[in-house]
């Protein structure tokens, strides 16, 4: 029996429903460095270009609430908040 998953199968399985905490970005503090996007183990964060800068956008369908993005943010613009369901 093969219990391994196929490559790139994460996008087929929305896993965000079981998280407890959710990352919340303070865009006033965010410097748009992209560290959060690089550090996210699930690649849930992408940098979206605005008029003059870029800001992170989190896909909550796949975010597991691990908090790596908040830990790695150099300006502490991301806080982990208890998710209200």
PDB file of N, CA and C in Angstrom:
ATOM      1  N   UNK A   1       0.847  -1.182   0.000  1.00  0.00           N
ATOM      2  CA  UNK A   1       0.000   0.000   0.000  1.00  0.00           C
ATOM      3  C   UNK A   1       0.893   1.247   0.000  1.00  0.00           C
ATOM      4  N   UNK A   2       0.639   2.168  -0.914  1.00  0.00           N
ATOM      5  CA  UNK A   2       1.408   3.409  -1.034  1.00  0.00           C
ATOM      6  C   UNK A   2       0.669   4.521  -0.296  1.00  0.00           C
ATOM      7  N   UNK A   3       1.281   5.044   0.778  1.00  0.00           N
ATOM      8  CA  UNK A   3       0.619   6.098   1.562  1.00  0.00           C
ATOM      9  C   UNK A   3       1.207   7.478   1.285  1.00  0.00           C
ATOM     10  N   UNK A   4       2.126   7.563   0.342  1.00  0.00           N
ATOM     11  CA  UNK A   4       2.712   8.856   0.009  1.00  0.00           C
ATOM     12  C   UNK A   4       1.774   9.635  -0.900  1.00  0.00           C
ATOM     13  N   UNK A   5       1.878  10.942  -0.830  1.00  0.00           N
ATOM     14  CA  UNK A   5       1.046  11.776  -1.697  1.00  0.00           C
ATOM     15  C   UNK A   5       1.844  12.182  -2.919  1.00  0.00           C
ATOM     16  N   UNK A   6       1.145  12.487  -3.954  1.00  0.00           N
ATOM     17  CA  UNK A   6       1.793  12.907  -5.197  1.00  0.00           C
ATOM     18  C   UNK A   6       2.257  14.354  -5.078  1.00  0.00           C
ATOM     19  N   UNK A   7       3.273  14.691  -5.838  1.00  0.00           N
ATOM     20  CA  UNK A   7       3.796  16.061  -5.835  1.00  0.00           C
ATOM     21  C   UNK A   7       2.711  17.042  -6.243  1.00  0.00           C
ATOM     22  N   UNK A   8       2.729  18.209  -5.617  1.00  0.00           N
ATOM     23  CA  UNK A   8       1.789  19.306  -5.904  1.00  0.00           C
ATOM     24  C   UNK A   8       0.338  18.939  -5.628  1.00  0.00           C
ATOM     25  N   UNK A   9       0.104  17.980  -4.746  1.00  0.00           N
ATOM     26  CA  UNK A   9      -1.277  17.588  -4.432  1.00  0.00           C
ATOM     27  C   UNK A   9      -1.896  18.468  -3.349  1.00  0.00           C
ATOM     28  N   UNK A  10      -1.096  19.322  -2.737  1.00  0.00           N
ATOM     29  CA  UNK A  10      -1.606  20.201  -1.687  1.00  0.00           C
ATOM     30  C   UNK A  10      -2.756  21.065  -2.186  1.00  0.00           C
ATOM     31  N   UNK A  11      -2.679  21.528  -3.417  1.00  0.00           N
ATOM     32  CA  UNK A  11      -3.729  22.384  -3.959  1.00  0.00           C
ATOM     33  C   UNK A  11      -5.060  21.648  -4.121  1.00  0.00           C
ATOM     34  N   UNK A  12      -5.043  20.342  -4.078  1.00  0.00           N
ATOM     35  CA  UNK A  12      -6.276  19.562  -4.178  1.00  0.00           C
ATOM     36  C   UNK A  12      -6.964  19.406  -2.828  1.00  0.00           C
ATOM     37  N   UNK A  13      -6.246  19.707  -1.759  1.00  0.00           N
ATOM     38  CA  UNK A  13      -6.757  19.475  -0.408  1.00  0.00           C
ATOM     39  C   UNK A  13      -6.749  20.760   0.403  1.00  0.00           C
ATOM     40  N   UNK A  14      -7.894  21.391   0.531  1.00  0.00           N
ATOM     41  CA  UNK A  14      -7.977  22.609   1.331  1.00  0.00           C
ATOM     42  C   UNK A  14      -7.828  22.209   2.796  1.00  0.00           C
ATOM     43  N   UNK A  15      -6.777  22.701   3.427  1.00  0.00           N
ATOM     44  CA  UNK A  15      -6.436  22.261   4.775  1.00  0.00           C
ATOM     45  C   UNK A  15      -6.604  23.345   5.832  1.00  0.00           C
ATOM     46  N   UNK A  16      -7.071  24.513   5.445  1.00  0.00           N
ATOM     47  CA  UNK A  16      -7.179  25.618   6.395  1.00  0.00           C
ATOM     48  C   UNK A  16      -8.306  25.502   7.391  1.00  0.00           C
ATOM     49  N   UNK A  17      -9.222  24.578   7.192  1.00  0.00           N
ATOM     50  CA  UNK A  17     -10.402  24.505   8.057  1.00  0.00           C
ATOM     51  C   UNK A  17     -10.105  24.025   9.472  1.00  0.00           C
ATOM     52  N   UNK A  18      -8.986  23.368   9.692  1.00  0.00           N
ATOM     53  CA  UNK A  18      -8.715  22.834  11.016  1.00  0.00           C
ATOM     54  C   UNK A  18      -7.759  23.692  11.846  1.00  0.00           C
ATOM     55  N   UNK A  19      -7.360  24.850  11.344  1.00  0.00           N
ATOM     56  CA  UNK A  19      -6.424  25.678  12.113  1.00  0.00           C
ATOM     57  C   UNK A  19      -7.142  26.334  13.298  1.00  0.00           C
ATOM     58  N   UNK A  20      -6.343  26.765  14.280  1.00  0.00           N
ATOM     59  CA  UNK A  20      -6.860  27.459  15.461  1.00  0.00           C
ATOM     60  C   UNK A  20      -6.542  28.951  15.402  1.00  0.00           C
ATOM     61  N   UNK A  21      -5.340  29.261  14.907  1.00  0.00           N
ATOM     62  CA  UNK A  21      -4.911  30.652  14.815  1.00  0.00           C
ATOM     63  C   UNK A  21      -4.778  31.063  13.356  1.00  0.00           C
ATOM     64  N   UNK A  22      -4.967  32.345  13.118  1.00  0.00           N
ATOM     65  CA  UNK A  22      -4.920  32.875  11.762  1.00  0.00           C
ATOM     66  C   UNK A  22      -3.963  34.077  11.735  1.00  0.00           C
ATOM     67  N   UNK A  23      -3.118  34.176  10.705  1.00  0.00           N
ATOM     68  CA  UNK A  23      -2.225  35.334  10.634  1.00  0.00           C
ATOM     69  C   UNK A  23      -2.976  36.576  10.165  1.00  0.00           C
ATOM     70  N   UNK A  24      -2.732  37.659  10.857  1.00  0.00           N
ATOM     71  CA  UNK A  24      -3.364  38.935  10.508  1.00  0.00           C
ATOM     72  C   UNK A  24      -2.257  39.950  10.260  1.00  0.00           C
ATOM     73  N   UNK A  25      -2.230  40.512   9.064  1.00  0.00           N
ATOM     74  CA  UNK A  25      -1.165  41.438   8.678  1.00  0.00           C
ATOM     75  C   UNK A  25      -1.590  42.886   8.884  1.00  0.00           C
ATOM     76  N   UNK A  26      -0.737  43.635   9.548  1.00  0.00           N
ATOM     77  CA  UNK A  26      -0.935  45.068   9.717  1.00  0.00           C
ATOM     78  C   UNK A  26      -0.230  45.745   8.534  1.00  0.00           C
ATOM     79  N   UNK A  27      -0.989  46.132   7.525  1.00  0.00           N
ATOM     80  CA  UNK A  27      -0.409  46.677   6.303  1.00  0.00           C
ATOM     81  C   UNK A  27       0.247  48.037   6.506  1.00  0.00           C
ATOM     82  N   UNK A  28      -0.053  48.711   7.601  1.00  0.00           N
ATOM     83  CA  UNK A  28       0.611  49.977   7.897  1.00  0.00           C
ATOM     84  C   UNK A  28       2.047  49.732   8.353  1.00  0.00           C
ATOM     85  N   UNK A  29       2.281  48.597   9.019  1.00  0.00           N
ATOM     86  CA  UNK A  29       3.621  48.240   9.479  1.00  0.00           C
ATOM     87  C   UNK A  29       4.425  47.492   8.424  1.00  0.00           C
ATOM     88  N   UNK A  30       3.747  46.782   7.546  1.00  0.00           N
ATOM     89  CA  UNK A  30       4.385  45.922   6.554  1.00  0.00           C
ATOM     90  C   UNK A  30       5.277  46.734   5.620  1.00  0.00           C
ATOM     91  N   UNK A  31       6.499  46.240   5.403  1.00  0.00           N
ATOM     92  CA  UNK A  31       7.441  46.921   4.512  1.00  0.00           C
ATOM     93  C   UNK A  31       7.522  46.246   3.144  1.00  0.00           C
ATOM     94  N   UNK A  32       6.753  45.185   2.947  1.00  0.00           N
ATOM     95  CA  UNK A  32       6.699  44.519   1.644  1.00  0.00           C
ATOM     96  C   UNK A  32       7.955  43.760   1.273  1.00  0.00           C
ATOM     97  N   UNK A  33       8.675  43.265   2.256  1.00  0.00           N
ATOM     98  CA  UNK A  33       9.952  42.595   1.985  1.00  0.00           C
ATOM     99  C   UNK A  33       9.795  41.188   1.409  1.00  0.00           C
ATOM    100  N   UNK A  34       8.655  40.538   1.658  1.00  0.00           N
ATOM    101  CA  UNK A  34       8.414  39.199   1.126  1.00  0.00           C
ATOM    102  C   UNK A  34       8.948  38.074   1.978  1.00  0.00           C
ATOM    103  N   UNK A  35       9.488  38.373   3.137  1.00  0.00           N
ATOM    104  CA  UNK A  35      10.024  37.336   4.012  1.00  0.00           C
ATOM    105  C   UNK A  35       8.941  36.340   4.414  1.00  0.00           C
ATOM    106  N   UNK A  36       7.751  36.821   4.682  1.00  0.00           N
ATOM    107  CA  UNK A  36       6.656  35.936   5.075  1.00  0.00           C
ATOM    108  C   UNK A  36       6.318  34.937   3.963  1.00  0.00           C
ATOM    109  N   UNK A  37       6.294  35.417   2.741  1.00  0.00           N
ATOM    110  CA  UNK A  37       5.988  34.548   1.600  1.00  0.00           C
ATOM    111  C   UNK A  37       7.070  33.493   1.406  1.00  0.00           C
ATOM    112  N   UNK A  38       8.313  33.876   1.603  1.00  0.00           N
ATOM    113  CA  UNK A  38       9.424  32.933   1.462  1.00  0.00           C
ATOM    114  C   UNK A  38       9.434  31.908   2.590  1.00  0.00           C
ATOM    115  N   UNK A  39       9.022  32.326   3.791  1.00  0.00           N
ATOM    116  CA  UNK A  39       9.080  31.447   4.961  1.00  0.00           C
ATOM    117  C   UNK A  39       7.890  30.504   5.075  1.00  0.00           C
ATOM    118  N   UNK A  40       6.778  30.821   4.446  1.00  0.00           N
ATOM    119  CA  UNK A  40       5.563  30.012   4.581  1.00  0.00           C
ATOM    120  C   UNK A  40       5.806  28.594   4.050  1.00  0.00           C
ATOM    121  N   UNK A  41       5.678  27.576   4.913  1.00  0.00           N
ATOM    122  CA  UNK A  41       5.933  26.204   4.468  1.00  0.00           C
ATOM    123  C   UNK A  41       4.877  25.667   3.506  1.00  0.00           C
ATOM    124  N   UNK A  42       3.727  26.296   3.440  1.00  0.00           N
ATOM    125  CA  UNK A  42       2.650  25.840   2.558  1.00  0.00           C
ATOM    126  C   UNK A  42       2.484  26.714   1.319  1.00  0.00           C
ATOM    127  N   UNK A  43       3.326  27.732   1.184  1.00  0.00           N
ATOM    128  CA  UNK A  43       3.241  28.684   0.067  1.00  0.00           C
ATOM    129  C   UNK A  43       1.860  29.320  -0.034  1.00  0.00           C
ATOM    130  N   UNK A  44       1.287  29.645   1.115  1.00  0.00           N
ATOM    131  CA  UNK A  44      -0.042  30.266   1.182  1.00  0.00           C
ATOM    132  C   UNK A  44       0.010  31.773   1.007  1.00  0.00           C
ATOM    133  N   UNK A  45       1.195  32.342   1.098  1.00  0.00           N
ATOM    134  CA  UNK A  45       1.333  33.788   1.020  1.00  0.00           C
ATOM    135  C   UNK A  45       2.005  34.161  -0.291  1.00  0.00           C
ATOM    136  N   UNK A  46       1.374  35.055  -1.014  1.00  0.00           N
ATOM    137  CA  UNK A  46       1.964  35.581  -2.243  1.00  0.00           C
ATOM    138  C   UNK A  46       2.048  37.100  -2.109  1.00  0.00           C
ATOM    139  N   UNK A  47       3.036  37.666  -2.766  1.00  0.00           N
ATOM    140  CA  UNK A  47       3.200  39.110  -2.736  1.00  0.00           C
ATOM    141  C   UNK A  47       2.424  39.704  -3.904  1.00  0.00           C
ATOM    142  N   UNK A  48       1.515  40.615  -3.582  1.00  0.00           N
ATOM    143  CA  UNK A  48       0.679  41.249  -4.601  1.00  0.00           C
ATOM    144  C   UNK A  48       1.128  42.689  -4.769  1.00  0.00           C
ATOM    145  N   UNK A  49       1.388  43.077  -5.991  1.00  0.00           N
ATOM    146  CA  UNK A  49       1.848  44.445  -6.263  1.00  0.00           C
ATOM    147  C   UNK A  49       0.673  45.411  -6.229  1.00  0.00           C
ATOM    148  N   UNK A  50       0.871  46.495  -5.504  1.00  0.00           N
ATOM    149  CA  UNK A  50      -0.080  47.603  -5.477  1.00  0.00           C
ATOM    150  C   UNK A  50       0.499  48.714  -6.337  1.00  0.00           C
ATOM    151  N   UNK A  51      -0.018  49.898  -6.220  1.00  0.00           N
ATOM    152  CA  UNK A  51       0.470  51.021  -7.031  1.00  0.00           C
ATOM    153  C   UNK A  51       1.957  51.288  -6.809  1.00  0.00           C
ATOM    154  N   UNK A  52       2.355  51.426  -5.561  1.00  0.00           N
ATOM    155  CA  UNK A  52       3.737  51.814  -5.287  1.00  0.00           C
ATOM    156  C   UNK A  52       4.538  50.744  -4.547  1.00  0.00           C
ATOM    157  N   UNK A  53       3.901  49.678  -4.115  1.00  0.00           N
ATOM    158  CA  UNK A  53       4.616  48.683  -3.316  1.00  0.00           C
ATOM    159  C   UNK A  53       4.021  47.299  -3.534  1.00  0.00           C
ATOM    160  N   UNK A  54       4.486  46.355  -2.747  1.00  0.00           N
ATOM    161  CA  UNK A  54       3.900  45.019  -2.777  1.00  0.00           C
ATOM    162  C   UNK A  54       3.540  44.623  -1.348  1.00  0.00           C
ATOM    163  N   UNK A  55       2.476  43.892  -1.202  1.00  0.00           N
ATOM    164  CA  UNK A  55       2.002  43.472   0.114  1.00  0.00           C
ATOM    165  C   UNK A  55       1.626  41.994   0.070  1.00  0.00           C
ATOM    166  N   UNK A  56       1.730  41.306   1.210  1.00  0.00           N
ATOM    167  CA  UNK A  56       1.394  39.887   1.249  1.00  0.00           C
ATOM    168  C   UNK A  56      -0.114  39.647   1.270  1.00  0.00           C
ATOM    169  N   UNK A  57      -0.534  38.603   0.572  1.00  0.00           N
ATOM    170  CA  UNK A  57      -1.925  38.167   0.578  1.00  0.00           C
ATOM    171  C   UNK A  57      -1.906  36.687   0.956  1.00  0.00           C
ATOM    172  N   UNK A  58      -2.670  36.327   1.979  1.00  0.00           N
ATOM    173  CA  UNK A  58      -2.695  34.956   2.484  1.00  0.00           C
ATOM    174  C   UNK A  58      -3.915  34.223   1.967  1.00  0.00           C
ATOM    175  N   UNK A  59      -3.711  33.021   1.466  1.00  0.00           N
ATOM    176  CA  UNK A  59      -4.809  32.155   1.024  1.00  0.00           C
ATOM    177  C   UNK A  59      -5.225  31.298   2.218  1.00  0.00           C
ATOM    178  N   UNK A  60      -6.306  31.699   2.881  1.00  0.00           N
ATOM    179  CA  UNK A  60      -6.752  31.034   4.098  1.00  0.00           C
ATOM    180  C   UNK A  60      -7.345  29.646   3.850  1.00  0.00           C
ATOM    181  N   UNK A  61      -7.611  29.292   2.615  1.00  0.00           N
ATOM    182  CA  UNK A  61      -8.078  27.937   2.321  1.00  0.00           C
ATOM    183  C   UNK A  61      -6.992  26.911   2.623  1.00  0.00           C
ATOM    184  N   UNK A  62      -5.744  27.328   2.552  1.00  0.00           N
ATOM    185  CA  UNK A  62      -4.630  26.401   2.731  1.00  0.00           C
ATOM    186  C   UNK A  62      -3.756  26.720   3.936  1.00  0.00           C
ATOM    187  N   UNK A  63      -3.898  27.909   4.518  1.00  0.00           N
ATOM    188  CA  UNK A  63      -3.102  28.310   5.676  1.00  0.00           C
ATOM    189  C   UNK A  63      -3.462  27.430   6.872  1.00  0.00           C
ATOM    190  N   UNK A  64      -2.440  26.848   7.492  1.00  0.00           N
ATOM    191  CA  UNK A  64      -2.653  25.978   8.646  1.00  0.00           C
ATOM    192  C   UNK A  64      -2.486  26.714   9.974  1.00  0.00           C
ATOM    193  N   UNK A  65      -2.123  27.992   9.918  1.00  0.00           N
ATOM    194  CA  UNK A  65      -1.982  28.777  11.140  1.00  0.00           C
ATOM    195  C   UNK A  65      -0.749  28.436  11.949  1.00  0.00           C
ATOM    196  N   UNK A  66       0.315  28.023  11.287  1.00  0.00           N
ATOM    197  CA  UNK A  66       1.527  27.589  11.991  1.00  0.00           C
ATOM    198  C   UNK A  66       2.279  28.749  12.648  1.00  0.00           C
ATOM    199  N   UNK A  67       2.151  29.958  12.106  1.00  0.00           N
ATOM    200  CA  UNK A  67       2.787  31.127  12.695  1.00  0.00           C
ATOM    201  C   UNK A  67       4.208  31.400  12.236  1.00  0.00           C
ATOM    202  N   UNK A  68       4.716  30.629  11.289  1.00  0.00           N
ATOM    203  CA  UNK A  68       6.070  30.865  10.795  1.00  0.00           C
ATOM    204  C   UNK A  68       6.177  32.266  10.192  1.00  0.00           C
ATOM    205  N   UNK A  69       5.166  32.701   9.469  1.00  0.00           N
ATOM    206  CA  UNK A  69       5.188  34.034   8.857  1.00  0.00           C
ATOM    207  C   UNK A  69       5.327  35.119   9.924  1.00  0.00           C
ATOM    208  N   UNK A  70       4.591  34.988  11.014  1.00  0.00           N
ATOM    209  CA  UNK A  70       4.638  35.974  12.093  1.00  0.00           C
ATOM    210  C   UNK A  70       5.989  35.966  12.794  1.00  0.00           C
ATOM    211  N   UNK A  71       6.550  34.787  12.966  1.00  0.00           N
ATOM    212  CA  UNK A  71       7.851  34.661  13.622  1.00  0.00           C
ATOM    213  C   UNK A  71       8.958  35.278  12.777  1.00  0.00           C
ATOM    214  N   UNK A  72       8.897  35.099  11.477  1.00  0.00           N
ATOM    215  CA  UNK A  72       9.962  35.554  10.586  1.00  0.00           C
ATOM    216  C   UNK A  72       9.828  37.005  10.130  1.00  0.00           C
ATOM    217  N   UNK A  73       8.681  37.631  10.309  1.00  0.00           N
ATOM    218  CA  UNK A  73       8.494  39.016   9.868  1.00  0.00           C
ATOM    219  C   UNK A  73       9.460  39.941  10.611  1.00  0.00           C
ATOM    220  N   UNK A  74      10.343  40.645   9.886  1.00  0.00           N
ATOM    221  CA  UNK A  74      11.350  41.475  10.547  1.00  0.00           C
ATOM    222  C   UNK A  74      10.784  42.700  11.265  1.00  0.00           C
ATOM    223  N   UNK A  75       9.586  43.141  10.895  1.00  0.00           N
ATOM    224  CA  UNK A  75       8.999  44.317  11.546  1.00  0.00           C
ATOM    225  C   UNK A  75       7.778  43.954  12.387  1.00  0.00           C
ATOM    226  N   UNK A  76       7.553  42.653  12.568  1.00  0.00           N
ATOM    227  CA  UNK A  76       6.443  42.140  13.383  1.00  0.00           C
ATOM    228  C   UNK A  76       5.090  42.699  12.942  1.00  0.00           C
ATOM    229  N   UNK A  77       4.883  42.724  11.627  1.00  0.00           N
ATOM    230  CA  UNK A  77       3.627  43.219  11.057  1.00  0.00           C
ATOM    231  C   UNK A  77       2.544  42.139  11.035  1.00  0.00           C
ATOM    232  N   UNK A  78       2.912  40.897  11.334  1.00  0.00           N
ATOM    233  CA  UNK A  78       1.940  39.796  11.330  1.00  0.00           C
ATOM    234  C   UNK A  78       1.763  39.291  12.751  1.00  0.00           C
ATOM    235  N   UNK A  79       0.538  39.245  13.176  1.00  0.00           N
ATOM    236  CA  UNK A  79       0.187  38.719  14.501  1.00  0.00           C
ATOM    237  C   UNK A  79      -0.736  37.521  14.315  1.00  0.00           C
ATOM    238  N   UNK A  80      -0.563  36.527  15.148  1.00  0.00           N
ATOM    239  CA  UNK A  80      -1.435  35.369  15.115  1.00  0.00           C
ATOM    240  C   UNK A  80      -2.621  35.636  16.041  1.00  0.00           C
ATOM    241  N   UNK A  81      -3.816  35.541  15.490  1.00  0.00           N
ATOM    242  CA  UNK A  81      -5.048  35.801  16.239  1.00  0.00           C
ATOM    243  C   UNK A  81      -5.872  34.527  16.304  1.00  0.00           C
ATOM    244  N   UNK A  82      -6.561  34.334  17.401  1.00  0.00           N
ATOM    245  CA  UNK A  82      -7.459  33.195  17.534  1.00  0.00           C
ATOM    246  C   UNK A  82      -8.558  33.344  16.506  1.00  0.00           C
ATOM    247  N   UNK A  83      -8.750  32.321  15.699  1.00  0.00           N
ATOM    248  CA  UNK A  83      -9.755  32.397  14.630  1.00  0.00           C
ATOM    249  C   UNK A  83     -11.144  32.160  15.205  1.00  0.00           C
ATOM    250  N   UNK A  84     -12.063  33.019  14.849  1.00  0.00           N
ATOM    251  CA  UNK A  84     -13.465  32.880  15.255  1.00  0.00           C
ATOM    252  C   UNK A  84     -14.202  32.194  14.138  1.00  0.00           C
ATOM    253  N   UNK A  85     -14.755  31.041  14.431  1.00  0.00           N
ATOM    254  CA  UNK A  85     -15.457  30.266  13.395  1.00  0.00           C
ATOM    255  C   UNK A  85     -16.938  30.300  13.603  1.00  0.00           C
TER     256      UNK A  85
END
